[in-house]
Every structure is written in C-alpha cells, then in structure tokens.
Amino acid sequence: MGIYMLQIKQDLQKIHSNRLTILVALITFITFSLYTLVLLPLYLTLNSNIIYQSGLIVSILLYAMKTLELIGMLASYGIIIYSLYVTDLKSTIKISAVFLGVTLYKYITNLLVSWFMSGGIPANFISDMSFTSFLISLALETLKLAFIVFISFKIKSSAKKRMYYTHTTEADDIDAEDDIHSFSFPLRKIFNKKNPVQVSILICAILFMVEKIIQYLRFYIYYQLGSVPVYLVMFVSELVLAVIMYFFILYILITLDNLTMKYTAKLNIANENNYIEKLK
C-alpha cells in the first residue's frame, strides 16, 4: 500500500508539473505576443506620427503594453512559487526555464520589431544600444527569477523544519511530504507572516517595486529631469502598485490551488478505484 501511494504521489507531481509548465508557456506566450507583435508596432507607428505622438492614445497604448507585460510576468511568478508546493525543486526549475525561454522570445521580437519599424537591422547590430539593452534586460530578468526561486525555496525549507519542531494545532495532523502544502494552503488570511507562501509573494512584489524605484533614481541622477516631489509621488505610486501586485499574485495562487485540489481529488478517487480493482 505504501509503495502504491508513493507511486500515486509521484505521478501527481509529474501531472502538476506538466500542467503548470503548459500554463506558464501559454500565459507568457499570449501576453508577450500581444505586447510585442500587436501593441508595440501600433505604438511605434502612432508615436512616429507628429499628429498622434503627443496625444492620449499613445499614452494609453504605452500603459497597456506595460500592464500586459506585467500581468504575464506576475502570473508566471505566482505559478512558479506555487509549483514549489505541489511539485519539487527540479520541476520548478524546469517551469522557470520555460518562462525564461518565452521571455527571450519577447526580447528578441521586441528588438526585431523596433529595428524593422525604424528602417531595418543595423549593420553592426552587436554594438547597437538596443542590442546591449536586450542583453542586460535578459540577464537581470534571469537573476531576478533565480533570486525569487532561491529565496522561496529557502523560506519553504525553513517553514518545513519549523513545522516539524514546533507542535501547533495547525501542524499536528500534517503527514509526510504533503505537510508543507497542507500547512500553507488554503490561504485564510490577507497576510500571515508565518505562511511561507505569502512571505514569498510579498518578497516578489517588493522586488518588482524596488526594481522600478531604482530605474526612477537612475533616471533622476543621470538626466536631472523633474522635481523631487514628482519623484516622491512616483515612489508612492510604486508602493501602491506593490500592494496591488501582492493581491494579484495571491489571487492567482488561491485560484490555482482550488483548481489543483479539485483535479487531485478526482485523480485520487480514480486511483483508489483502480487499487481496489487490483485487490479483487
């Protein structure tokens, strides 16, 4: 029975890993394709037209592009964090690699669309500023994702150890390897500092906020454009956005877990029926 249940658990992890991998690939490919192949060409076309470049529609398009890109990234980061609790680290790394692969596609299409809309690929494109920016952006995205996966895994491991050594009513009935998922889900509070999932989400939102604030500081230091009060307002807006990002990722994880648990329950019933049939 124990060996059979272990096999079922491994099969479930593999199924969850495949489903989450496909989900990340679909979300990022759809959102990034809309961004680079639909909105970006439209934005560049209108922005190069003197009639529209200072108009409201160009600003709306720019905002829509950034929002769409952010939604794809946040949803993917949420799925990657969740994968640590229903699969293993190896599967999470695989899902992360898929995300980075589609991110590479985003940067390449962004670069090619920008070049073709401005007259073609530069003769010496390697030294072109756009190409350098592409390499830096990809490297930073890889480092950011690696940091989130690493810190989330450490937070999960720490919570798992703490759960074994402290006997609380929440942890008493938790069994074997499924313990950390049962301890972390369902998410009952807006924020619980003892919940490793919510701590990981918070760190993820803060990281996105800090990244944006650093961009603002660099822009202010290098170009000295705008006043200090304007930048303070921008910093506050990023703080508000970080709160929104936290709740968005939280919603993604709650939805994912509800769907996963329903799917798991159906598979468990089917597996139990198969096991009973084998005993007959």
Foldseek 3Di string as FASTA:
>chain_A
DVVLVVVLLQVLQVVLLVVLLVVLLVLLLVLLCCLLVPLLLVLLVQCVDPVRVPPPVSVVSVVSSVVSNVLSVLLLLLSLLLSVQRHNLVSSVVSVVSNLVSVLVSLVSNLQSVQVSVPHQDPPNCPDPSNVVSVVVSVVVVVLSVVLSVVLNVLLVVLVVVLVVDDDPQNPPADDPNRLVSSQPDDDDLDDPSRSSLVSLLVSLVVVLVVVLVVVVVCCVPPVDDDPVVSVVVSVVSVVVSSVSSVSSNVSSNVVVVVSVVVSVVSVVVSVVVVVVVVD
